[in-house]
């Protein structure tokens, strides 16, 4: 989000072919040895073989059980009824919640990795709390956000239910309930009600517009399009991950040529009005 602040003007074009970004090991990235070309519409920035290698040493894939770092178990809120459980290294703080676009969150416990994993699994089996939601559900929920106290109350209810469960891992230290809300950080009040969706990239595709705000990987743009005067003023949401692997150069034209589909709704100014329609 810091690289794409509100008001920033964008005018870029995709060039050549979209290439796999390879594998990250610690702070170093290893170039894809296959030189794989990726689908321009996908959010995935790795080929299948590099992704498989990445998961061979991954907390998310349960192939890094010897990680000695302490982990936090969190509850994340994306909208009414959309609450999930997850874990993240304590040293990362709330970064993982910001990356996911969580509207609000609360810590549930902290401790060793496997204890955090057991707590995550316990909530899934006993309370049917999922560990992920798709981007379509997250985007749609932003159009029906209740006021902050109601968001906090829904998190508090789940937090209490989770702490009352039998079988809580002994080595996981409970954390008292405290709700953190990201509405101001994300600038949710800058997203209008009518929001379109920006399609995938292809070589030569150009995006020209102004950044309204960013929510996790989603960037909301006021596009310049192909209307009579060039300026359409259409607001569209783009998954910034589709840009990974492209060489980006300056736009040649003055309009957005990426496909735009008017399929969704954003957030009413003033934090929503409890209605939801035109879902992604």
C-alpha atoms as a PDB file:
ATOM      1  CA  UNK A   1       0.000   0.000   0.000  1.00  0.00           C
ATOM      2  CA  UNK A   2       2.876   2.382   0.727  1.00  0.00           C
ATOM      3  CA  UNK A   3       4.059   2.036  -2.883  1.00  0.00           C
ATOM      4  CA  UNK A   4       0.617   2.917  -4.253  1.00  0.00           C
ATOM      5  CA  UNK A   5      -0.713   5.759  -2.069  1.00  0.00           C
ATOM      6  CA  UNK A   6      -4.111   7.322  -2.694  1.00  0.00           C
ATOM      7  CA  UNK A   7      -3.967   9.890  -5.483  1.00  0.00           C
ATOM      8  CA  UNK A   8      -1.011   8.294  -7.267  1.00  0.00           C
ATOM      9  CA  UNK A   9      -1.339   8.429 -11.065  1.00  0.00           C
ATOM     10  CA  UNK A  10      -0.615   5.219 -12.948  1.00  0.00           C
ATOM     11  CA  UNK A  11       0.099   4.844 -16.660  1.00  0.00           C
ATOM     12  CA  UNK A  12       1.857   1.586 -17.508  1.00  0.00           C
ATOM     13  CA  UNK A  13       1.812  -1.223 -20.062  1.00  0.00           C
ATOM     14  CA  UNK A  14       2.652  -4.932 -19.887  1.00  0.00           C
ATOM     15  CA  UNK A  15       5.541  -5.847 -22.148  1.00  0.00           C
ATOM     16  CA  UNK A  16       6.763  -9.148 -23.565  1.00  0.00           C
ATOM     17  CA  UNK A  17       5.748 -12.314 -21.712  1.00  0.00           C
ATOM     18  CA  UNK A  18       4.799 -12.872 -18.107  1.00  0.00           C
ATOM     19  CA  UNK A  19       7.477 -15.020 -16.482  1.00  0.00           C
ATOM     20  CA  UNK A  20       7.553 -17.182 -13.343  1.00  0.00           C
ATOM     21  CA  UNK A  21       9.205 -15.390 -10.408  1.00  0.00           C
ATOM     22  CA  UNK A  22      10.972 -18.533  -9.207  1.00  0.00           C
ATOM     23  CA  UNK A  23      11.428 -19.541  -5.566  1.00  0.00           C
ATOM     24  CA  UNK A  24      12.110 -17.413  -2.496  1.00  0.00           C
ATOM     25  CA  UNK A  25      14.459 -18.772   0.162  1.00  0.00           C
ATOM     26  CA  UNK A  26      14.712 -16.412   3.091  1.00  0.00           C
ATOM     27  CA  UNK A  27      15.538 -12.961   1.721  1.00  0.00           C
ATOM     28  CA  UNK A  28      16.853 -14.352  -1.578  1.00  0.00           C
ATOM     29  CA  UNK A  29      14.887 -15.144  -4.734  1.00  0.00           C
ATOM     30  CA  UNK A  30      16.065 -17.977  -6.983  1.00  0.00           C
ATOM     31  CA  UNK A  31      15.271 -17.444 -10.660  1.00  0.00           C
ATOM     32  CA  UNK A  32      12.921 -19.995 -12.259  1.00  0.00           C
ATOM     33  CA  UNK A  33      15.221 -22.517 -13.991  1.00  0.00           C
ATOM     34  CA  UNK A  34      12.510 -23.344 -16.530  1.00  0.00           C
ATOM     35  CA  UNK A  35      11.898 -19.805 -17.777  1.00  0.00           C
ATOM     36  CA  UNK A  36       8.194 -20.628 -17.525  1.00  0.00           C
ATOM     37  CA  UNK A  37       5.590 -18.349 -19.116  1.00  0.00           C
ATOM     38  CA  UNK A  38       2.522 -17.660 -16.943  1.00  0.00           C
ATOM     39  CA  UNK A  39      -1.152 -16.982 -17.628  1.00  0.00           C
ATOM     40  CA  UNK A  40      -1.695 -13.228 -17.678  1.00  0.00           C
ATOM     41  CA  UNK A  41      -5.062 -13.486 -15.911  1.00  0.00           C
ATOM     42  CA  UNK A  42      -3.919 -15.579 -12.929  1.00  0.00           C
ATOM     43  CA  UNK A  43      -2.896 -14.208  -9.539  1.00  0.00           C
ATOM     44  CA  UNK A  44      -0.262 -16.960  -9.284  1.00  0.00           C
ATOM     45  CA  UNK A  45       3.258 -15.721  -9.946  1.00  0.00           C
ATOM     46  CA  UNK A  46       4.956 -19.135 -10.007  1.00  0.00           C
ATOM     47  CA  UNK A  47       4.903 -22.079 -12.378  1.00  0.00           C
ATOM     48  CA  UNK A  48       3.688 -25.422 -10.971  1.00  0.00           C
ATOM     49  CA  UNK A  49       7.199 -26.793 -10.415  1.00  0.00           C
ATOM     50  CA  UNK A  50       8.484 -23.712  -8.592  1.00  0.00           C
ATOM     51  CA  UNK A  51       5.314 -23.610  -6.476  1.00  0.00           C
ATOM     52  CA  UNK A  52       5.855 -27.255  -5.531  1.00  0.00           C
ATOM     53  CA  UNK A  53       9.450 -26.523  -4.523  1.00  0.00           C
ATOM     54  CA  UNK A  54       8.293 -23.532  -2.456  1.00  0.00           C
ATOM     55  CA  UNK A  55       5.808 -25.699  -0.577  1.00  0.00           C
ATOM     56  CA  UNK A  56       8.521 -28.225   0.274  1.00  0.00           C
ATOM     57  CA  UNK A  57       9.700 -25.774   2.932  1.00  0.00           C
ATOM     58  CA  UNK A  58       6.555 -23.936   3.962  1.00  0.00           C
ATOM     59  CA  UNK A  59       4.633 -23.311   7.169  1.00  0.00           C
ATOM     60  CA  UNK A  60       1.419 -23.021   5.153  1.00  0.00           C
ATOM     61  CA  UNK A  61       1.943 -26.501   3.674  1.00  0.00           C
ATOM     62  CA  UNK A  62       2.946 -28.030   7.042  1.00  0.00           C
ATOM     63  CA  UNK A  63       6.399 -28.896   5.678  1.00  0.00           C
ATOM     64  CA  UNK A  64       8.309 -26.694   8.133  1.00  0.00           C
ATOM     65  CA  UNK A  65       7.265 -28.127  11.493  1.00  0.00           C
ATOM     66  CA  UNK A  66      10.711 -27.422  13.001  1.00  0.00           C
ATOM     67  CA  UNK A  67      10.339 -23.629  12.826  1.00  0.00           C
ATOM     68  CA  UNK A  68      11.444 -22.466  16.297  1.00  0.00           C
ATOM     69  CA  UNK A  69       9.786 -19.030  16.101  1.00  0.00           C
ATOM     70  CA  UNK A  70       6.731 -18.259  18.288  1.00  0.00           C
ATOM     71  CA  UNK A  71       3.448 -18.016  16.398  1.00  0.00           C
ATOM     72  CA  UNK A  72       0.243 -16.109  16.964  1.00  0.00           C
ATOM     73  CA  UNK A  73      -3.249 -17.457  16.321  1.00  0.00           C
ATOM     74  CA  UNK A  74      -5.619 -14.790  15.045  1.00  0.00           C
ATOM     75  CA  UNK A  75      -9.272 -14.331  14.168  1.00  0.00           C
ATOM     76  CA  UNK A  76      -9.818 -12.177  11.079  1.00  0.00           C
ATOM     77  CA  UNK A  77     -13.027 -10.378  10.092  1.00  0.00           C
ATOM     78  CA  UNK A  78     -13.813  -9.625   6.429  1.00  0.00           C
ATOM     79  CA  UNK A  79     -17.522  -8.878   6.727  1.00  0.00           C
ATOM     80  CA  UNK A  80     -20.722 -10.127   8.395  1.00  0.00           C
ATOM     81  CA  UNK A  81     -20.396 -13.883   8.822  1.00  0.00           C
ATOM     82  CA  UNK A  82     -16.941 -13.930   7.220  1.00  0.00           C
ATOM     83  CA  UNK A  83     -14.565 -14.758  10.063  1.00  0.00           C
ATOM     84  CA  UNK A  84     -11.549 -17.000   9.691  1.00  0.00           C
ATOM     85  CA  UNK A  85      -8.767 -18.385  11.851  1.00  0.00           C
ATOM     86  CA  UNK A  86      -5.100 -18.302  10.921  1.00  0.00           C
ATOM     87  CA  UNK A  87      -1.569 -18.252  12.244  1.00  0.00           C
ATOM     88  CA  UNK A  88       1.422 -16.006  11.632  1.00  0.00           C
ATOM     89  CA  UNK A  89       4.897 -15.620  13.090  1.00  0.00           C
ATOM     90  CA  UNK A  90       4.759 -13.279  16.101  1.00  0.00           C
ATOM     91  CA  UNK A  91       7.683 -11.274  14.703  1.00  0.00           C
ATOM     92  CA  UNK A  92       5.528 -10.260  11.706  1.00  0.00           C
ATOM     93  CA  UNK A  93       2.931  -8.559  13.880  1.00  0.00           C
ATOM     94  CA  UNK A  94      -0.273  -7.679  11.963  1.00  0.00           C
ATOM     95  CA  UNK A  95       1.450  -7.725   8.519  1.00  0.00           C
ATOM     96  CA  UNK A  96      -0.289 -10.961   7.506  1.00  0.00           C
ATOM     97  CA  UNK A  97      -3.703  -9.478   8.367  1.00  0.00           C
ATOM     98  CA  UNK A  98      -2.984  -6.414   6.220  1.00  0.00           C
ATOM     99  CA  UNK A  99      -1.826  -8.621   3.330  1.00  0.00           C
ATOM    100  CA  UNK A 100      -5.096 -10.554   3.437  1.00  0.00           C
ATOM    101  CA  UNK A 101      -7.231  -7.431   3.541  1.00  0.00           C
ATOM    102  CA  UNK A 102      -8.754  -8.228   6.943  1.00  0.00           C
ATOM    103  CA  UNK A 103     -11.147  -5.432   7.917  1.00  0.00           C
ATOM    104  CA  UNK A 104     -10.631  -6.228  11.611  1.00  0.00           C
ATOM    105  CA  UNK A 105      -8.854  -8.860  13.694  1.00  0.00           C
ATOM    106  CA  UNK A 106      -8.090 -10.083  17.213  1.00  0.00           C
ATOM    107  CA  UNK A 107      -5.303 -12.260  18.589  1.00  0.00           C
ATOM    108  CA  UNK A 108      -6.386 -15.510  20.211  1.00  0.00           C
ATOM    109  CA  UNK A 109      -3.158 -17.057  21.498  1.00  0.00           C
ATOM    110  CA  UNK A 110       0.632 -17.242  21.125  1.00  0.00           C
ATOM    111  CA  UNK A 111       3.054 -20.132  21.372  1.00  0.00           C
ATOM    112  CA  UNK A 112       5.019 -22.784  19.452  1.00  0.00           C
ATOM    113  CA  UNK A 113       4.135 -23.477  15.822  1.00  0.00           C
ATOM    114  CA  UNK A 114       2.563 -26.894  16.348  1.00  0.00           C
ATOM    115  CA  UNK A 115       0.463 -25.647  19.278  1.00  0.00           C
ATOM    116  CA  UNK A 116      -0.790 -22.805  17.075  1.00  0.00           C
ATOM    117  CA  UNK A 117      -1.590 -25.329  14.341  1.00  0.00           C
ATOM    118  CA  UNK A 118      -3.567 -27.481  16.804  1.00  0.00           C
ATOM    119  CA  UNK A 119      -5.603 -24.473  17.930  1.00  0.00           C
ATOM    120  CA  UNK A 120      -6.320 -23.554  14.305  1.00  0.00           C
ATOM    121  CA  UNK A 121      -7.486 -27.117  13.607  1.00  0.00           C
ATOM    122  CA  UNK A 122      -9.562 -27.149  16.803  1.00  0.00           C
ATOM    123  CA  UNK A 123     -11.540 -24.091  15.717  1.00  0.00           C
ATOM    124  CA  UNK A 124     -12.081 -25.609  12.317  1.00  0.00           C
ATOM    125  CA  UNK A 125     -13.437 -28.902  13.638  1.00  0.00           C
ATOM    126  CA  UNK A 126     -15.359 -27.695  16.702  1.00  0.00           C
ATOM    127  CA  UNK A 127     -16.697 -24.354  15.491  1.00  0.00           C
ATOM    128  CA  UNK A 128     -16.483 -24.770  11.687  1.00  0.00           C
ATOM    129  CA  UNK A 129     -14.294 -21.670  11.410  1.00  0.00           C
ATOM    130  CA  UNK A 130     -12.618 -21.689   7.968  1.00  0.00           C
ATOM    131  CA  UNK A 131      -8.965 -20.833   7.373  1.00  0.00           C
ATOM    132  CA  UNK A 132      -9.552 -18.905   4.135  1.00  0.00           C
ATOM    133  CA  UNK A 133     -12.034 -17.033   1.950  1.00  0.00           C
ATOM    134  CA  UNK A 134     -11.872 -16.292  -1.757  1.00  0.00           C
ATOM    135  CA  UNK A 135     -11.327 -12.758  -3.019  1.00  0.00           C
ATOM    136  CA  UNK A 136     -14.855 -12.560  -4.467  1.00  0.00           C
ATOM    137  CA  UNK A 137     -16.377 -13.067  -1.015  1.00  0.00           C
ATOM    138  CA  UNK A 138     -14.023 -10.515   0.554  1.00  0.00           C
ATOM    139  CA  UNK A 139     -14.771  -7.879  -2.082  1.00  0.00           C
ATOM    140  CA  UNK A 140     -18.516  -8.366  -1.847  1.00  0.00           C
ATOM    141  CA  UNK A 141     -18.468  -8.146   1.953  1.00  0.00           C
ATOM    142  CA  UNK A 142     -16.863  -4.695   1.793  1.00  0.00           C
ATOM    143  CA  UNK A 143     -20.175  -3.458   0.395  1.00  0.00           C
ATOM    144  CA  UNK A 144     -22.140  -4.412   3.500  1.00  0.00           C
ATOM    145  CA  UNK A 145     -19.940  -3.542   6.469  1.00  0.00           C
ATOM    146  CA  UNK A 146     -21.732  -2.797   9.743  1.00  0.00           C
ATOM    147  CA  UNK A 147     -20.369  -0.129  12.138  1.00  0.00           C
ATOM    148  CA  UNK A 148     -17.132  -0.813  14.018  1.00  0.00           C
ATOM    149  CA  UNK A 149     -18.827  -1.829  17.330  1.00  0.00           C
ATOM    150  CA  UNK A 150     -20.796  -4.533  15.525  1.00  0.00           C
ATOM    151  CA  UNK A 151     -17.659  -5.844  13.850  1.00  0.00           C
ATOM    152  CA  UNK A 152     -15.891  -5.974  17.212  1.00  0.00           C
ATOM    153  CA  UNK A 153     -18.862  -7.720  18.831  1.00  0.00           C
ATOM    154  CA  UNK A 154     -18.865 -10.476  16.203  1.00  0.00           C
ATOM    155  CA  UNK A 155     -15.149 -11.032  16.751  1.00  0.00           C
ATOM    156  CA  UNK A 156     -15.581 -10.996  20.531  1.00  0.00           C
ATOM    157  CA  UNK A 157     -18.302 -13.626  20.365  1.00  0.00           C
ATOM    158  CA  UNK A 158     -16.095 -16.002  18.375  1.00  0.00           C
ATOM    159  CA  UNK A 159     -13.070 -15.240  20.566  1.00  0.00           C
ATOM    160  CA  UNK A 160     -15.025 -16.207  23.682  1.00  0.00           C
ATOM    161  CA  UNK A 161     -16.406 -19.376  22.095  1.00  0.00           C
ATOM    162  CA  UNK A 162     -12.908 -20.411  21.011  1.00  0.00           C
ATOM    163  CA  UNK A 163     -11.431 -19.921  24.470  1.00  0.00           C
ATOM    164  CA  UNK A 164     -14.160 -22.061  26.041  1.00  0.00           C
ATOM    165  CA  UNK A 165     -13.383 -25.056  23.842  1.00  0.00           C
ATOM    166  CA  UNK A 166     -12.000 -28.169  25.535  1.00  0.00           C
ATOM    167  CA  UNK A 167      -8.698 -29.371  24.161  1.00  0.00           C
ATOM    168  CA  UNK A 168      -6.985 -25.971  24.067  1.00  0.00           C
ATOM    169  CA  UNK A 169      -3.205 -26.610  23.614  1.00  0.00           C
ATOM    170  CA  UNK A 170      -1.427 -26.262  26.967  1.00  0.00           C
ATOM    171  CA  UNK A 171       1.630 -24.561  25.456  1.00  0.00           C
ATOM    172  CA  UNK A 172      -0.445 -21.894  23.726  1.00  0.00           C
ATOM    173  CA  UNK A 173      -0.710 -18.759  25.858  1.00  0.00           C
ATOM    174  CA  UNK A 174      -4.208 -17.188  25.640  1.00  0.00           C
ATOM    175  CA  UNK A 175      -4.473 -13.534  24.631  1.00  0.00           C
ATOM    176  CA  UNK A 176      -7.196 -11.290  26.039  1.00  0.00           C
ATOM    177  CA  UNK A 177      -9.670  -9.988  23.480  1.00  0.00           C
ATOM    178  CA  UNK A 178      -8.761  -6.711  21.788  1.00  0.00           C
ATOM    179  CA  UNK A 179     -10.146  -5.731  18.391  1.00  0.00           C
ATOM    180  CA  UNK A 180      -8.011  -3.878  15.855  1.00  0.00           C
ATOM    181  CA  UNK A 181      -9.836  -2.321  12.893  1.00  0.00           C
ATOM    182  CA  UNK A 182      -8.307  -1.525   9.500  1.00  0.00           C
ATOM    183  CA  UNK A 183     -11.079   0.606   7.968  1.00  0.00           C
ATOM    184  CA  UNK A 184      -9.045   3.807   8.261  1.00  0.00           C
ATOM    185  CA  UNK A 185      -5.787   2.143   7.205  1.00  0.00           C
ATOM    186  CA  UNK A 186      -7.417   0.755   4.061  1.00  0.00           C
ATOM    187  CA  UNK A 187      -9.388   3.915   3.338  1.00  0.00           C
ATOM    188  CA  UNK A 188     -12.624   1.972   2.898  1.00  0.00           C
ATOM    189  CA  UNK A 189     -14.597   5.233   2.800  1.00  0.00           C
ATOM    190  CA  UNK A 190     -12.842   6.099  -0.481  1.00  0.00           C
ATOM    191  CA  UNK A 191     -14.417   3.135  -2.292  1.00  0.00           C
ATOM    192  CA  UNK A 192     -17.682   4.119  -4.041  1.00  0.00           C
ATOM    193  CA  UNK A 193     -20.719   1.887  -4.187  1.00  0.00           C
ATOM    194  CA  UNK A 194     -20.371   1.045  -7.886  1.00  0.00           C
ATOM    195  CA  UNK A 195     -17.159  -0.883  -8.513  1.00  0.00           C
ATOM    196  CA  UNK A 196     -16.137  -2.800 -11.634  1.00  0.00           C
ATOM    197  CA  UNK A 197     -13.496  -5.493 -11.937  1.00  0.00           C
ATOM    198  CA  UNK A 198     -10.307  -5.152 -13.962  1.00  0.00           C
ATOM    199  CA  UNK A 199      -9.454  -8.251 -15.976  1.00  0.00           C
ATOM    200  CA  UNK A 200      -6.113  -9.943 -16.585  1.00  0.00           C
ATOM    201  CA  UNK A 201      -3.145  -8.576 -18.467  1.00  0.00           C
ATOM    202  CA  UNK A 202      -1.762  -9.451 -21.886  1.00  0.00           C
ATOM    203  CA  UNK A 203       1.251  -8.134 -23.733  1.00  0.00           C
ATOM    204  CA  UNK A 204       0.491  -4.548 -24.693  1.00  0.00           C
ATOM    205  CA  UNK A 205      -2.331  -4.099 -22.187  1.00  0.00           C
ATOM    206  CA  UNK A 206      -2.308  -0.612 -20.684  1.00  0.00           C
ATOM    207  CA  UNK A 207      -3.711   0.673 -17.407  1.00  0.00           C
ATOM    208  CA  UNK A 208      -4.156   4.405 -16.934  1.00  0.00           C
ATOM    209  CA  UNK A 209      -5.830   5.855 -13.867  1.00  0.00           C
ATOM    210  CA  UNK A 210      -5.584   7.131 -10.310  1.00  0.00           C
ATOM    211  CA  UNK A 211      -5.238   5.069  -7.140  1.00  0.00           C
ATOM    212  CA  UNK A 212      -8.149   5.470  -4.714  1.00  0.00           C
ATOM    213  CA  UNK A 213      -6.978   2.984  -2.099  1.00  0.00           C
ATOM    214  CA  UNK A 214      -5.603  -0.506  -1.513  1.00  0.00           C
ATOM    215  CA  UNK A 215      -7.080  -3.368   0.510  1.00  0.00           C
ATOM    216  CA  UNK A 216      -4.711  -6.302   0.812  1.00  0.00           C
ATOM    217  CA  UNK A 217      -3.765  -7.299  -2.766  1.00  0.00           C
ATOM    218  CA  UNK A 218      -6.703  -5.340  -4.207  1.00  0.00           C
ATOM    219  CA  UNK A 219      -6.054  -1.884  -5.651  1.00  0.00           C
ATOM    220  CA  UNK A 220      -9.028   0.384  -6.394  1.00  0.00           C
ATOM    221  CA  UNK A 221      -8.451   2.654  -9.395  1.00  0.00           C
ATOM    222  CA  UNK A 222     -10.390   5.431 -11.080  1.00  0.00           C
ATOM    223  CA  UNK A 223      -9.726   4.487 -14.672  1.00  0.00           C
ATOM    224  CA  UNK A 224      -9.159   6.520 -17.787  1.00  0.00           C
ATOM    225  CA  UNK A 225     -10.994   4.663 -20.523  1.00  0.00           C
ATOM    226  CA  UNK A 226     -12.065   4.848 -24.125  1.00  0.00           C
ATOM    227  CA  UNK A 227     -15.080   7.179 -23.777  1.00  0.00           C
ATOM    228  CA  UNK A 228     -15.553  10.224 -26.017  1.00  0.00           C
ATOM    229  CA  UNK A 229     -13.379  12.398 -23.841  1.00  0.00           C
ATOM    230  CA  UNK A 230     -11.129   9.579 -22.688  1.00  0.00           C
ATOM    231  CA  UNK A 231     -12.067  10.002 -19.012  1.00  0.00           C
ATOM    232  CA  UNK A 232     -14.690   7.487 -17.958  1.00  0.00           C
ATOM    233  CA  UNK A 233     -14.342   7.897 -14.233  1.00  0.00           C
ATOM    234  CA  UNK A 234     -15.106   4.191 -13.753  1.00  0.00           C
ATOM    235  CA  UNK A 235     -13.756   2.759 -10.482  1.00  0.00           C
ATOM    236  CA  UNK A 236     -12.391  -0.757 -10.868  1.00  0.00           C
ATOM    237  CA  UNK A 237     -10.663  -3.154  -8.492  1.00  0.00           C
ATOM    238  CA  UNK A 238      -7.507  -4.918  -9.618  1.00  0.00           C
ATOM    239  CA  UNK A 239      -5.706  -7.808  -7.954  1.00  0.00           C
ATOM    240  CA  UNK A 240      -2.166  -6.412  -7.957  1.00  0.00           C
ATOM    241  CA  UNK A 241      -0.769  -9.940  -7.994  1.00  0.00           C
ATOM    242  CA  UNK A 242      -1.622 -10.226 -11.712  1.00  0.00           C
ATOM    243  CA  UNK A 243       1.174  -7.708 -12.367  1.00  0.00           C
ATOM    244  CA  UNK A 244       3.863  -9.999 -10.908  1.00  0.00           C
ATOM    245  CA  UNK A 245       6.141 -11.450 -13.565  1.00  0.00           C
ATOM    246  CA  UNK A 246       5.455  -8.772 -16.184  1.00  0.00           C
ATOM    247  CA  UNK A 247       7.954  -6.210 -17.374  1.00  0.00           C
ATOM    248  CA  UNK A 248       6.067  -2.933 -16.965  1.00  0.00           C
ATOM    249  CA  UNK A 249       6.824   0.037 -19.173  1.00  0.00           C
ATOM    250  CA  UNK A 250       5.272   3.436 -19.759  1.00  0.00           C
ATOM    251  CA  UNK A 251       1.827   3.465 -21.375  1.00  0.00           C
ATOM    252  CA  UNK A 252       1.832   4.580 -24.996  1.00  0.00           C
ATOM    253  CA  UNK A 253      -1.804   5.677 -25.081  1.00  0.00           C
ATOM    254  CA  UNK A 254      -3.896   7.689 -22.661  1.00  0.00           C
ATOM    255  CA  UNK A 255      -6.645   5.151 -21.895  1.00  0.00           C
ATOM    256  CA  UNK A 256      -7.043   1.842 -20.093  1.00  0.00           C
ATOM    257  CA  UNK A 257      -7.168  -1.094 -22.505  1.00  0.00           C
ATOM    258  CA  UNK A 258      -7.463  -3.887 -19.929  1.00  0.00           C
ATOM    259  CA  UNK A 259     -10.888  -5.577 -19.883  1.00  0.00           C
ATOM    260  CA  UNK A 260     -13.309  -4.030 -17.396  1.00  0.00           C
ATOM    261  CA  UNK A 261     -16.357  -5.878 -16.101  1.00  0.00           C
ATOM    262  CA  UNK A 262     -19.039  -4.058 -14.089  1.00  0.00           C
ATOM    263  CA  UNK A 263     -19.871  -6.842 -11.668  1.00  0.00           C
ATOM    264  CA  UNK A 264     -19.538  -5.677  -8.063  1.00  0.00           C
ATOM    265  CA  UNK A 265     -20.181  -3.165  -5.359  1.00  0.00           C
ATOM    266  CA  UNK A 266     -17.869  -1.353  -3.004  1.00  0.00           C
ATOM    267  CA  UNK A 267     -18.430   0.333   0.322  1.00  0.00           C
ATOM    268  CA  UNK A 268     -20.806   3.206   0.853  1.00  0.00           C
ATOM    269  CA  UNK A 269     -19.192   6.246   2.399  1.00  0.00           C
ATOM    270  CA  UNK A 270     -19.878   6.211   6.098  1.00  0.00           C
ATOM    271  CA  UNK A 271     -19.086   2.489   6.465  1.00  0.00           C
ATOM    272  CA  UNK A 272     -21.900   0.797   4.646  1.00  0.00           C
ATOM    273  CA  UNK A 273     -25.622   0.600   5.083  1.00  0.00           C
ATOM    274  CA  UNK A 274     -26.177  -3.076   5.639  1.00  0.00           C
ATOM    275  CA  UNK A 275     -27.292  -3.883   2.120  1.00  0.00           C
ATOM    276  CA  UNK A 276     -25.504  -6.020  -0.415  1.00  0.00           C
ATOM    277  CA  UNK A 277     -26.185  -6.493  -4.086  1.00  0.00           C
ATOM    278  CA  UNK A 278     -24.417  -7.128  -7.383  1.00  0.00           C
ATOM    279  CA  UNK A 279     -21.917  -9.539  -5.819  1.00  0.00           C
ATOM    280  CA  UNK A 280     -18.721 -10.559  -7.553  1.00  0.00           C
END
